[in-house]
Every structure is written in C-alpha cells, then in structure tokens.
Amino acid sequence: MLSLLLPAMLVVQAIAMLEVRVPDQPVVALHGQDAVLNCSFNHTSPFGLSDLTVFWQLTDTKRNVYAYREGKDQLEDQAERFANRTSLFPEELVKGNASLLLSKVVVADEGSYMCFVRVQDYGSSAFFLQVAAPYSKPVILLEPESNLRPGDELALTCHAYGGYPVAGVIWQDGSGRNLTDNITTSFVANEDGLFNMKSRLTVVLEPNCTYSCRLVNPLLADEDFAVVTVTGQNIVFPPVALWVTVGLAVCLLVLLVALAAVCRRKIKESCEEARREAEEAKELEEEESKTVMTPLKIQS
C-alpha cells in the first residue's frame, strides 16, 4: 500500500511543498550504538496525528525503513534488516519532529536516507549516514624476534582490529622521519563489516632505533599508536659467529706482527748494505790517492 502511496505523494509534492529539514552534512553514527536521524518540518497550524504521514526510505535502493500513518506505525513493507530497530518520538510529532531512532547501528546501515512528511502539504529531504568504529590499540611485532644482528633485514608488523572505515596508517622512526613509502598495508573485513588492519614495514636493523605505527580514523578524528625500540640488548651474536670473529682478529694480529718483523729485517739489511758500500767506496778513494802521490823513477 505504501509503495503505491508514496509515488502519488511525490507527484502532488510538485504542487504543494512542505519544508522538511535534515542535516546538511553527513551524520556519523557509532557501530553498535543507537543513532538519531534528525528530521523536522514546519507547520503553521495545529494538526492531528491522524493527519500526519512520516515515511523513511533508503534513497538508493528505495527500501522502506519506517512508516507512520493514521496515528500508528505501518511496518508491513519494512525491510527485514530494520525490523525492531526503528521508532519515532511520538510526543515530538506534533512539534514538527519526525526524527527516527535507529538502534544498534551496523556497517550495512551506511547510506543515504530520505525523510518524507505529509501534513496537508508534502515535503522530503535526504542526507547521508556514515558508520564509524574505533580500532583496537595497535600492536607491533618483530619478525624475527631473536638472533638479530646489525645490518639484518627486519620486518615490523602493526596489527589493529575491529575498526571502520579504512584508517590511515603512518610509520615513523625516532626522529619523526616518515617511512610510509616502505610499508605494505591490508584491510580485511570480518563478518560484521569491520576491518582488521595489518601493516608491514621492512627496515635494515640498527641498534637503539625506535619505530612507531600511528592509526588515524578519518571519521572519528581519532588517533592511536604503538612504539617499539630495538636496543643493543636485542642484538645477539650466535656462538659460532663469535668464535669466527675472535679467530679472524687473532689471525690479523699475527699477520701484522709478522709483517712488522719482515719490514724490520729488510730495513736492517738495507742499512748494513749501505754501510758496506760506503766503506768500500772509502777504501777505493784512499788507494787512488796513494797512486797519485807515488814519484816516478827516471832512468839515466
């Protein structure tokens, strides 16, 4: 009946208009809580509830959300998922308040809603309902958790659960540098339509470094974060690697000592050879001097 009545009302609406007011901006409702979908109308003269018709409908799918006519609820054509979840404020109707109480909001309730009112004249307006849910506090896990060495590649995974809508994820290091370009993030919806978030950051391990994962819900203006610090205490050298390091250090020390000994011997040999050459040169010079000074004998 209502599905036939509404089109006829909309045709008449082109002739006679009633001002129906709804929020100008999208309305945010929290998942699992009750929400009031505000709708009001102007009335210049007193009227009885039997003269009032209020009809709520999903704008896109045209599914009936709630109907009030002839002084009582008319829920024969109501969409099944809204059953036992909708009601007006009866004492407010004569004041021009046709707001709808929607209980236990779920993600599927998100969408455009139209409020239609008839009191002699007709009018309607639509607005958008958005659903939001805060995420759980983020938690950061290290992969691997042990046997870490400087220079190793380390994966940090940030987890958060049960939020809506898709949140912004920001990774930073201890100096505030944005690392978001190095992440891989996924959002998986659960059976309630809420998202479980997993974000993975890959870095080259350095001791005493701090990393933070910040989660921003765009509808709730809500931020939460987790911080992890990788300290030197987390960096463990396996016994084999330790002995290899010690062995290399000893070998290097022995090599340096041997090299120093060889250099010393070479320097000593060079000095002795230079001394011998100097002595030989001196002896040769003395012999040449004696030869020049010996007088020649003249035969008669």
C-alpha atoms as a PDB file:
ATOM      1  CA  MET A   1       0.000   0.000   0.000  1.00  0.00           C
ATOM      2  CA  LEU A   2       2.750   2.438   0.994  1.00  0.00           C
ATOM      3  CA  SER A   3       4.756   1.546  -2.089  1.00  0.00           C
ATOM      4  CA  LEU A   4       1.781   2.752  -4.179  1.00  0.00           C
ATOM      5  CA  LEU A   5       1.006   5.735  -1.962  1.00  0.00           C
ATOM      6  CA  LEU A   6       4.489   7.292  -1.996  1.00  0.00           C
ATOM      7  CA  PRO A   7       4.778   7.904  -5.775  1.00  0.00           C
ATOM      8  CA  ALA A   8       1.364   9.571  -5.727  1.00  0.00           C
ATOM      9  CA  MET A   9       2.519  11.787  -2.864  1.00  0.00           C
ATOM     10  CA  LEU A  10       5.649  12.754  -4.760  1.00  0.00           C
ATOM     11  CA  VAL A  11       3.586  13.818  -7.739  1.00  0.00           C
ATOM     12  CA  VAL A  12       1.486  16.092  -5.550  1.00  0.00           C
ATOM     13  CA  GLN A  13       4.708  17.363  -3.974  1.00  0.00           C
ATOM     14  CA  ALA A  14       5.469  19.239  -7.184  1.00  0.00           C
ATOM     15  CA  ILE A  15       2.390  21.342  -6.473  1.00  0.00           C
ATOM     16  CA  ALA A  16       2.346  21.718  -2.682  1.00  0.00           C
ATOM     17  CA  MET A  17       5.618  21.778  -0.728  1.00  0.00           C
ATOM     18  CA  LEU A  18       6.249  21.335   2.967  1.00  0.00           C
ATOM     19  CA  GLU A  19       9.686  22.367   4.232  1.00  0.00           C
ATOM     20  CA  VAL A  20      11.452  19.301   5.591  1.00  0.00           C
ATOM     21  CA  ARG A  21      14.828  19.877   7.233  1.00  0.00           C
ATOM     22  CA  VAL A  22      17.608  17.296   7.672  1.00  0.00           C
ATOM     23  CA  PRO A  23      21.346  17.692   8.465  1.00  0.00           C
ATOM     24  CA  ASP A  24      23.334  19.488   5.775  1.00  0.00           C
ATOM     25  CA  GLN A  25      26.419  17.360   6.414  1.00  0.00           C
ATOM     26  CA  PRO A  26      26.754  13.566   6.660  1.00  0.00           C
ATOM     27  CA  VAL A  27      25.871  12.167  10.063  1.00  0.00           C
ATOM     28  CA  VAL A  28      28.367   9.855  11.802  1.00  0.00           C
ATOM     29  CA  ALA A  29      26.946   7.005  13.874  1.00  0.00           C
ATOM     30  CA  LEU A  30      28.994   4.642  16.050  1.00  0.00           C
ATOM     31  CA  HIS A  31      28.817   0.956  15.273  1.00  0.00           C
ATOM     32  CA  GLY A  32      26.771  -0.952  17.834  1.00  0.00           C
ATOM     33  CA  GLN A  33      25.194   2.165  19.345  1.00  0.00           C
ATOM     34  CA  ASP A  34      21.871   3.920  18.769  1.00  0.00           C
ATOM     35  CA  ALA A  35      21.650   6.863  16.373  1.00  0.00           C
ATOM     36  CA  VAL A  36      19.057   9.583  15.897  1.00  0.00           C
ATOM     37  CA  LEU A  37      18.369  10.511  12.276  1.00  0.00           C
ATOM     38  CA  ASN A  38      17.180  14.095  12.632  1.00  0.00           C
ATOM     39  CA  CYS A  39      14.256  15.311  10.533  1.00  0.00           C
ATOM     40  CA  SER A  40      11.920  18.227  11.245  1.00  0.00           C
ATOM     41  CA  PHE A  41       9.141  20.012   9.368  1.00  0.00           C
ATOM     42  CA  ASN A  42       7.402  23.362   9.668  1.00  0.00           C
ATOM     43  CA  HIS A  43       3.689  23.577  10.481  1.00  0.00           C
ATOM     44  CA  THR A  44       1.722  26.811  10.549  1.00  0.00           C
ATOM     45  CA  SER A  45      -1.489  25.431  12.010  1.00  0.00           C
ATOM     46  CA  PRO A  46      -2.389  22.724  14.539  1.00  0.00           C
ATOM     47  CA  PHE A  47      -2.899  19.223  13.189  1.00  0.00           C
ATOM     48  CA  GLY A  48      -3.883  15.829  14.494  1.00  0.00           C
ATOM     49  CA  LEU A  49      -1.660  12.769  14.324  1.00  0.00           C
ATOM     50  CA  SER A  50      -4.260  11.102  12.118  1.00  0.00           C
ATOM     51  CA  ASP A  51      -3.430  13.763   9.513  1.00  0.00           C
ATOM     52  CA  LEU A  52       0.316  13.076   9.662  1.00  0.00           C
ATOM     53  CA  THR A  53       2.324  10.723   7.468  1.00  0.00           C
ATOM     54  CA  VAL A  54       6.045  10.113   8.059  1.00  0.00           C
ATOM     55  CA  PHE A  55       7.979   7.863   5.740  1.00  0.00           C
ATOM     56  CA  TRP A  56      11.674   6.944   5.876  1.00  0.00           C
ATOM     57  CA  GLN A  57      13.330   5.281   2.898  1.00  0.00           C
ATOM     58  CA  LEU A  58      16.805   4.394   1.607  1.00  0.00           C
ATOM     59  CA  THR A  59      17.421   6.796  -1.247  1.00  0.00           C
ATOM     60  CA  ASP A  60      19.458   4.457  -3.442  1.00  0.00           C
ATOM     61  CA  THR A  61      17.684   1.109  -3.043  1.00  0.00           C
ATOM     62  CA  LYS A  62      14.209   2.526  -2.299  1.00  0.00           C
ATOM     63  CA  ARG A  63      13.828   0.058   0.556  1.00  0.00           C
ATOM     64  CA  ASN A  64      11.395   1.058   3.288  1.00  0.00           C
ATOM     65  CA  VAL A  65      12.989   1.883   6.617  1.00  0.00           C
ATOM     66  CA  TYR A  66       9.953   3.063   8.591  1.00  0.00           C
ATOM     67  CA  ALA A  67       6.431   4.358   8.047  1.00  0.00           C
ATOM     68  CA  TYR A  68       3.886   6.140  10.252  1.00  0.00           C
ATOM     69  CA  ARG A  69       0.346   6.816   9.034  1.00  0.00           C
ATOM     70  CA  GLU A  70      -3.135   7.335  10.517  1.00  0.00           C
ATOM     71  CA  GLY A  71      -1.700   7.658  14.024  1.00  0.00           C
ATOM     72  CA  LYS A  72       0.272   4.391  14.135  1.00  0.00           C
ATOM     73  CA  ASP A  73       3.246   2.510  12.734  1.00  0.00           C
ATOM     74  CA  GLN A  74       2.837   0.941   9.309  1.00  0.00           C
ATOM     75  CA  LEU A  75       5.617  -1.667   9.067  1.00  0.00           C
ATOM     76  CA  GLU A  76       4.197  -4.194   6.617  1.00  0.00           C
ATOM     77  CA  ASP A  77       6.652  -3.188   3.878  1.00  0.00           C
ATOM     78  CA  GLN A  78       9.628  -2.518   6.162  1.00  0.00           C
ATOM     79  CA  ALA A  79      12.947  -4.019   5.037  1.00  0.00           C
ATOM     80  CA  GLU A  80      13.722  -7.052   7.181  1.00  0.00           C
ATOM     81  CA  ARG A  81      17.054  -5.798   8.490  1.00  0.00           C
ATOM     82  CA  PHE A  82      15.344  -2.770  10.092  1.00  0.00           C
ATOM     83  CA  ALA A  83      12.778  -4.872  11.981  1.00  0.00           C
ATOM     84  CA  ASN A  84      12.552  -3.978  15.688  1.00  0.00           C
ATOM     85  CA  ARG A  85      15.261  -1.344  15.256  1.00  0.00           C
ATOM     86  CA  THR A  86      13.296   1.804  14.347  1.00  0.00           C
ATOM     87  CA  SER A  87      10.924   4.155  16.117  1.00  0.00           C
ATOM     88  CA  LEU A  88       9.811   7.795  16.163  1.00  0.00           C
ATOM     89  CA  PHE A  89       9.422  10.070  19.177  1.00  0.00           C
ATOM     90  CA  PRO A  90       5.586  10.158  19.475  1.00  0.00           C
ATOM     91  CA  GLU A  91       5.429  13.136  21.846  1.00  0.00           C
ATOM     92  CA  GLU A  92       7.594  15.148  19.437  1.00  0.00           C
ATOM     93  CA  LEU A  93       5.500  14.618  16.300  1.00  0.00           C
ATOM     94  CA  VAL A  94       3.056  17.465  16.996  1.00  0.00           C
ATOM     95  CA  LYS A  95       6.084  19.759  17.464  1.00  0.00           C
ATOM     96  CA  GLY A  96       7.259  19.049  13.941  1.00  0.00           C
ATOM     97  CA  ASN A  97       9.908  16.490  14.906  1.00  0.00           C
ATOM     98  CA  ALA A  98       9.906  13.404  12.660  1.00  0.00           C
ATOM     99  CA  SER A  99      13.346  12.146  13.733  1.00  0.00           C
ATOM    100  CA  LEU A 100      13.962   8.413  13.581  1.00  0.00           C
ATOM    101  CA  LEU A 101      15.713   6.396  16.295  1.00  0.00           C
ATOM    102  CA  LEU A 102      17.831   3.658  14.719  1.00  0.00           C
ATOM    103  CA  SER A 103      19.125   1.194  17.310  1.00  0.00           C
ATOM    104  CA  LYS A 104      22.308  -0.909  17.249  1.00  0.00           C
ATOM    105  CA  VAL A 105      23.824   0.626  14.145  1.00  0.00           C
ATOM    106  CA  VAL A 106      25.734  -1.724  11.848  1.00  0.00           C
ATOM    107  CA  VAL A 107      28.014  -1.100   8.882  1.00  0.00           C
ATOM    108  CA  ALA A 108      25.243  -2.107   6.476  1.00  0.00           C
ATOM    109  CA  ASP A 109      23.174   0.889   7.693  1.00  0.00           C
ATOM    110  CA  GLU A 110      25.546   3.302   5.975  1.00  0.00           C
ATOM    111  CA  GLY A 111      23.891   5.127   3.082  1.00  0.00           C
ATOM    112  CA  SER A 112      21.532   7.918   2.037  1.00  0.00           C
ATOM    113  CA  TYR A 113      18.218   8.270   3.906  1.00  0.00           C
ATOM    114  CA  MET A 114      15.167  10.230   2.793  1.00  0.00           C
ATOM    115  CA  CYS A 115      12.654  11.667   5.247  1.00  0.00           C
ATOM    116  CA  PHE A 116       9.174  12.244   3.726  1.00  0.00           C
ATOM    117  CA  VAL A 117       6.466  14.118   5.644  1.00  0.00           C
ATOM    118  CA  ARG A 118       2.835  14.893   4.790  1.00  0.00           C
ATOM    119  CA  VAL A 119       0.548  17.257   6.720  1.00  0.00           C
ATOM    120  CA  GLN A 120      -1.884  18.516   4.072  1.00  0.00           C
ATOM    121  CA  ASP A 121       1.231  19.590   2.140  1.00  0.00           C
ATOM    122  CA  TYR A 122       4.158  17.337   1.239  1.00  0.00           C
ATOM    123  CA  GLY A 123       7.937  17.567   1.513  1.00  0.00           C
ATOM    124  CA  SER A 124      11.079  15.442   1.676  1.00  0.00           C
ATOM    125  CA  SER A 125      14.819  15.771   2.204  1.00  0.00           C
ATOM    126  CA  ALA A 126      17.749  13.343   2.198  1.00  0.00           C
ATOM    127  CA  PHE A 127      21.110  13.113   3.931  1.00  0.00           C
ATOM    128  CA  PHE A 128      23.949  10.597   4.246  1.00  0.00           C
ATOM    129  CA  LEU A 129      24.591   8.390   7.270  1.00  0.00           C
ATOM    130  CA  GLN A 130      28.173   7.261   7.857  1.00  0.00           C
ATOM    131  CA  VAL A 131      29.162   4.485  10.243  1.00  0.00           C
ATOM    132  CA  ALA A 132      32.372   4.552  12.306  1.00  0.00           C
ATOM    133  CA  ALA A 133      34.053   2.194  14.750  1.00  0.00           C
ATOM    134  CA  PRO A 134      37.295   2.782  16.660  1.00  0.00           C
ATOM    135  CA  TYR A 135      40.140   0.342  16.058  1.00  0.00           C
ATOM    136  CA  SER A 136      41.774  -1.595  18.861  1.00  0.00           C
ATOM    137  CA  LYS A 137      45.077  -0.228  20.153  1.00  0.00           C
ATOM    138  CA  PRO A 138      47.809  -1.039  17.608  1.00  0.00           C
ATOM    139  CA  VAL A 139      50.418  -3.679  18.473  1.00  0.00           C
ATOM    140  CA  ILE A 140      53.835  -4.030  16.803  1.00  0.00           C
ATOM    141  CA  LEU A 141      55.529  -7.426  16.382  1.00  0.00           C
ATOM    142  CA  LEU A 142      59.122  -8.087  15.256  1.00  0.00           C
ATOM    143  CA  GLU A 143      59.993 -10.722  12.671  1.00  0.00           C
ATOM    144  CA  PRO A 144      62.261 -12.431  13.585  1.00  0.00           C
ATOM    145  CA  GLU A 145      62.145 -11.824  17.323  1.00  0.00           C
ATOM    146  CA  SER A 146      65.668 -13.110  18.123  1.00  0.00           C
ATOM    147  CA  ASN A 147      69.125 -13.802  16.641  1.00  0.00           C
ATOM    148  CA  LEU A 148      69.248 -10.295  15.233  1.00  0.00           C
ATOM    149  CA  ARG A 149      72.480  -8.725  14.003  1.00  0.00           C
ATOM    150  CA  PRO A 150      73.241  -5.209  12.744  1.00  0.00           C
ATOM    151  CA  GLY A 151      72.611  -4.990   9.027  1.00  0.00           C
ATOM    152  CA  ASP A 152      69.963  -7.716   9.055  1.00  0.00           C
ATOM    153  CA  GLU A 153      66.639  -7.029   7.366  1.00  0.00           C
ATOM    154  CA  LEU A 154      63.910  -6.694   9.979  1.00  0.00           C
ATOM    155  CA  ALA A 155      60.133  -6.745   9.437  1.00  0.00           C
ATOM    156  CA  LEU A 156      57.869  -4.883  11.856  1.00  0.00           C
ATOM    157  CA  THR A 157      54.167  -5.724  11.657  1.00  0.00           C
ATOM    158  CA  CYS A 158      51.470  -3.452  13.111  1.00  0.00           C
ATOM    159  CA  HIS A 159      48.078  -5.024  13.923  1.00  0.00           C
ATOM    160  CA  ALA A 160      44.740  -3.421  14.868  1.00  0.00           C
ATOM    161  CA  TYR A 161      41.242  -4.869  14.847  1.00  0.00           C
ATOM    162  CA  GLY A 162      37.531  -4.076  14.613  1.00  0.00           C
ATOM    163  CA  GLY A 163      37.589  -0.590  13.085  1.00  0.00           C
ATOM    164  CA  TYR A 164      35.662   1.262  10.391  1.00  0.00           C
ATOM    165  CA  PRO A 165      36.166   2.799   7.880  1.00  0.00           C
ATOM    166  CA  VAL A 166      39.624   2.168   6.390  1.00  0.00           C
ATOM    167  CA  ALA A 167      42.106   4.095   8.523  1.00  0.00           C
ATOM    168  CA  GLY A 168      45.255   5.957   7.616  1.00  0.00           C
ATOM    169  CA  VAL A 169      48.492   4.217   8.684  1.00  0.00           C
ATOM    170  CA  ILE A 170      51.658   6.245   9.295  1.00  0.00           C
ATOM    171  CA  TRP A 171      55.057   4.744  10.158  1.00  0.00           C
ATOM    172  CA  GLN A 172      57.841   6.928  11.577  1.00  0.00           C
ATOM    173  CA  ASP A 173      61.283   6.442  13.059  1.00  0.00           C
ATOM    174  CA  GLY A 174      62.569   8.001  16.269  1.00  0.00           C
ATOM    175  CA  SER A 175      63.493  11.251  14.533  1.00  0.00           C
ATOM    176  CA  GLY A 176      59.985  11.657  13.059  1.00  0.00           C
ATOM    177  CA  ARG A 177      61.002  10.678   9.531  1.00  0.00           C
ATOM    178  CA  ASN A 178      58.058   9.292   7.557  1.00  0.00           C
ATOM    179  CA  LEU A 179      58.596   5.671   6.495  1.00  0.00           C
ATOM    180  CA  THR A 180      55.190   5.136   4.899  1.00  0.00           C
ATOM    181  CA  ASP A 181      56.674   4.581   1.430  1.00  0.00           C
ATOM    182  CA  ASN A 182      58.271   1.348   2.699  1.00  0.00           C
ATOM    183  CA  ILE A 183      55.099  -0.319   4.001  1.00  0.00           C
ATOM    184  CA  THR A 184      52.529  -2.823   2.798  1.00  0.00           C
ATOM    185  CA  THR A 185      49.075  -2.443   4.393  1.00  0.00           C
ATOM    186  CA  SER A 186      45.943  -4.565   4.100  1.00  0.00           C
ATOM    187  CA  PHE A 187      42.411  -4.260   5.496  1.00  0.00           C
ATOM    188  CA  VAL A 188      40.237  -7.386   5.738  1.00  0.00           C
ATOM    189  CA  ALA A 189      36.552  -7.129   6.667  1.00  0.00           C
ATOM    190  CA  ASN A 190      35.142  -9.501   9.279  1.00  0.00           C
ATOM    191  CA  GLU A 191      31.590 -10.851   9.386  1.00  0.00           C
ATOM    192  CA  ASP A 192      30.320  -7.558  10.849  1.00  0.00           C
ATOM    193  CA  GLY A 193      31.903  -5.495   8.076  1.00  0.00           C
ATOM    194  CA  LEU A 194      34.547  -4.108  10.431  1.00  0.00           C
ATOM    195  CA  PHE A 195      38.170  -4.068   9.309  1.00  0.00           C
ATOM    196  CA  ASN A 196      41.191  -5.871  10.692  1.00  0.00           C
ATOM    197  CA  MET A 197      44.335  -3.960   9.749  1.00  0.00           C
ATOM    198  CA  LYS A 198      47.825  -5.353   9.130  1.00  0.00           C
ATOM    199  CA  SER A 199      50.699  -3.099   8.097  1.00  0.00           C
ATOM    200  CA  ARG A 200      54.249  -4.360   7.464  1.00  0.00           C
ATOM    201  CA  LEU A 201      57.383  -2.197   7.495  1.00  0.00           C
ATOM    202  CA  THR A 202      60.764  -3.565   6.334  1.00  0.00           C
ATOM    203  CA  VAL A 203      63.958  -1.884   7.568  1.00  0.00           C
ATOM    204  CA  VAL A 204      67.687  -2.601   7.853  1.00  0.00           C
ATOM    205  CA  LEU A 205      68.416  -3.246  11.514  1.00  0.00           C
ATOM    206  CA  GLU A 206      70.304  -0.667  13.513  1.00  0.00           C
ATOM    207  CA  PRO A 207      70.684  -0.822  17.321  1.00  0.00           C
ATOM    208  CA  ASN A 208      68.792   1.588  19.547  1.00  0.00           C
ATOM    209  CA  CYS A 209      66.280   2.589  16.867  1.00  0.00           C
ATOM    210  CA  THR A 210      62.646   3.499  17.598  1.00  0.00           C
ATOM    211  CA  TYR A 211      59.726   2.884  15.240  1.00  0.00           C
ATOM    212  CA  SER A 212      56.088   3.933  15.653  1.00  0.00           C
ATOM    213  CA  CYS A 213      52.872   2.877  13.916  1.00  0.00           C
ATOM    214  CA  ARG A 214      50.096   5.504  14.041  1.00  0.00           C
ATOM    215  CA  LEU A 215      46.478   4.787  13.115  1.00  0.00           C
ATOM    216  CA  VAL A 216      44.113   7.628  12.102  1.00  0.00           C
ATOM    217  CA  ASN A 217      40.345   7.109  11.840  1.00  0.00           C
ATOM    218  CA  PRO A 218      39.112   9.779   9.376  1.00  0.00           C
ATOM    219  CA  LEU A 219      35.550   9.928  10.733  1.00  0.00           C
ATOM    220  CA  LEU A 220      36.284   9.961  14.448  1.00  0.00           C
ATOM    221  CA  ALA A 221      39.331  12.261  14.274  1.00  0.00           C
ATOM    222  CA  ASP A 222      40.791   9.575  16.490  1.00  0.00           C
ATOM    223  CA  GLU A 223      44.489   8.623  16.616  1.00  0.00           C
ATOM    224  CA  ASP A 224      46.242   5.800  18.411  1.00  0.00           C
ATOM    225  CA  PHE A 225      49.768   4.474  18.079  1.00  0.00           C
ATOM    226  CA  ALA A 226      52.254   1.820  19.115  1.00  0.00           C
ATOM    227  CA  VAL A 227      56.008   2.262  19.619  1.00  0.00           C
ATOM    228  CA  VAL A 228      58.833  -0.275  19.639  1.00  0.00           C
ATOM    229  CA  THR A 229      62.544   0.297  20.291  1.00  0.00           C
ATOM    230  CA  VAL A 230      65.203  -2.109  19.029  1.00  0.00           C
ATOM    231  CA  THR A 231      68.086  -1.842  21.514  1.00  0.00           C
ATOM    232  CA  GLY A 232      71.555  -3.368  21.607  1.00  0.00           C
ATOM    233  CA  GLN A 233      70.230  -5.923  24.099  1.00  0.00           C
ATOM    234  CA  ASN A 234      68.070  -7.375  21.373  1.00  0.00           C
ATOM    235  CA  ILE A 235      71.060  -7.990  19.114  1.00  0.00           C
ATOM    236  CA  VAL A 236      72.520 -11.444  19.877  1.00  0.00           C
ATOM    237  CA  PHE A 237      75.611 -12.964  18.233  1.00  0.00           C
ATOM    238  CA  PRO A 238      75.479 -16.765  17.844  1.00  0.00           C
ATOM    239  CA  PRO A 239      78.469 -18.634  19.462  1.00  0.00           C
ATOM    240  CA  VAL A 240      79.847 -19.767  16.079  1.00  0.00           C
ATOM    241  CA  ALA A 241      79.882 -16.202  14.785  1.00  0.00           C
ATOM    242  CA  LEU A 242      81.648 -15.061  17.973  1.00  0.00           C
ATOM    243  CA  TRP A 243      84.464 -17.619  17.617  1.00  0.00           C
ATOM    244  CA  VAL A 244      84.857 -16.804  13.947  1.00  0.00           C
ATOM    245  CA  THR A 245      85.234 -13.127  14.857  1.00  0.00           C
ATOM    246  CA  VAL A 246      87.848 -13.889  17.525  1.00  0.00           C
ATOM    247  CA  GLY A 247      89.771 -16.162  15.159  1.00  0.00           C
ATOM    248  CA  LEU A 248      89.852 -13.509  12.460  1.00  0.00           C
ATOM    249  CA  ALA A 249      91.109 -10.946  14.979  1.00  0.00           C
ATOM    250  CA  VAL A 250      93.954 -13.254  16.125  1.00  0.00           C
ATOM    251  CA  CYS A 251      94.949 -14.029  12.542  1.00  0.00           C
ATOM    252  CA  LEU A 252      95.027 -10.344  11.734  1.00  0.00           C
ATOM    253  CA  LEU A 253      97.189  -9.620  14.781  1.00  0.00           C
ATOM    254  CA  VAL A 254      99.670 -12.402  13.856  1.00  0.00           C
ATOM    255  CA  LEU A 255      99.824 -11.113  10.295  1.00  0.00           C
ATOM    256  CA  LEU A 256     100.600  -7.589  11.495  1.00  0.00           C
ATOM    257  CA  VAL A 257     103.383  -8.848  13.799  1.00  0.00           C
ATOM    258  CA  ALA A 258     104.940 -10.928  11.018  1.00  0.00           C
ATOM    259  CA  LEU A 259     104.725  -8.012   8.614  1.00  0.00           C
ATOM    260  CA  ALA A 260     106.445  -5.752  11.161  1.00  0.00           C
ATOM    261  CA  ALA A 261     109.259  -8.309  11.645  1.00  0.00           C
ATOM    262  CA  VAL A 262     109.840  -8.631   7.902  1.00  0.00           C
ATOM    263  CA  CYS A 263     109.916  -4.878   7.499  1.00  0.00           C
ATOM    264  CA  ARG A 264     112.395  -4.532  10.357  1.00  0.00           C
ATOM    265  CA  ARG A 265     114.700  -7.166   8.858  1.00  0.00           C
ATOM    266  CA  LYS A 266     114.549  -5.582   5.437  1.00  0.00           C
ATOM    267  CA  ILE A 267     115.364  -2.178   6.882  1.00  0.00           C
ATOM    268  CA  LYS A 268     118.329  -3.655   8.835  1.00  0.00           C
ATOM    269  CA  GLU A 269     119.679  -5.419   5.743  1.00  0.00           C
ATOM    270  CA  SER A 270     119.370  -2.215   3.727  1.00  0.00           C
ATOM    271  CA  CYS A 271     121.298  -0.275   6.381  1.00  0.00           C
ATOM    272  CA  GLU A 272     124.132  -2.867   6.510  1.00  0.00           C
ATOM    273  CA  GLU A 273     124.409  -2.937   2.731  1.00  0.00           C
ATOM    274  CA  ALA A 274     124.601   0.842   2.616  1.00  0.00           C
ATOM    275  CA  ARG A 275     127.328   0.804   5.282  1.00  0.00           C
ATOM    276  CA  ARG A 276     129.396  -1.741   3.353  1.00  0.00           C
ATOM    277  CA  GLU A 277     129.077   0.228   0.153  1.00  0.00           C
ATOM    278  CA  ALA A 278     130.254   3.341   1.981  1.00  0.00           C
ATOM    279  CA  GLU A 279     133.310   1.540   3.395  1.00  0.00           C
ATOM    280  CA  GLU A 280     134.238   0.082   0.019  1.00  0.00           C
ATOM    281  CA  ALA A 281     133.963   3.496  -1.605  1.00  0.00           C
ATOM    282  CA  LYS A 282     136.228   4.985   1.079  1.00  0.00           C
ATOM    283  CA  GLU A 283     138.900   2.273   0.625  1.00  0.00           C
ATOM    284  CA  LEU A 284     138.868   2.762  -3.124  1.00  0.00           C
ATOM    285  CA  GLU A 285     139.323   6.502  -2.716  1.00  0.00           C
ATOM    286  CA  GLU A 286     142.325   6.008  -0.406  1.00  0.00           C
ATOM    287  CA  GLU A 287     144.059   3.656  -2.879  1.00  0.00           C
ATOM    288  CA  GLU A 288     143.601   6.143  -5.718  1.00  0.00           C
ATOM    289  CA  SER A 289     145.134   8.887  -3.548  1.00  0.00           C
ATOM    290  CA  LYS A 290     148.253   6.750  -2.816  1.00  0.00           C
ATOM    291  CA  THR A 291     148.755   6.001  -6.508  1.00  0.00           C
ATOM    292  CA  VAL A 292     148.796   9.691  -7.482  1.00  0.00           C
ATOM    293  CA  MET A 293     151.318  10.646  -4.787  1.00  0.00           C
ATOM    294  CA  THR A 294     153.991   7.911  -5.606  1.00  0.00           C
ATOM    295  CA  PRO A 295     157.094   9.634  -7.549  1.00  0.00           C
ATOM    296  CA  LEU A 296     158.232   8.264 -10.853  1.00  0.00           C
ATOM    297  CA  LYS A 297     161.878   6.940 -11.138  1.00  0.00           C
ATOM    298  CA  ILE A 298     163.942   8.436 -14.122  1.00  0.00           C
ATOM    299  CA  GLN A 299     166.491   6.090 -15.730  1.00  0.00           C
ATOM    300  CA  SER A 300     169.939   7.542 -16.692  1.00  0.00           C
END
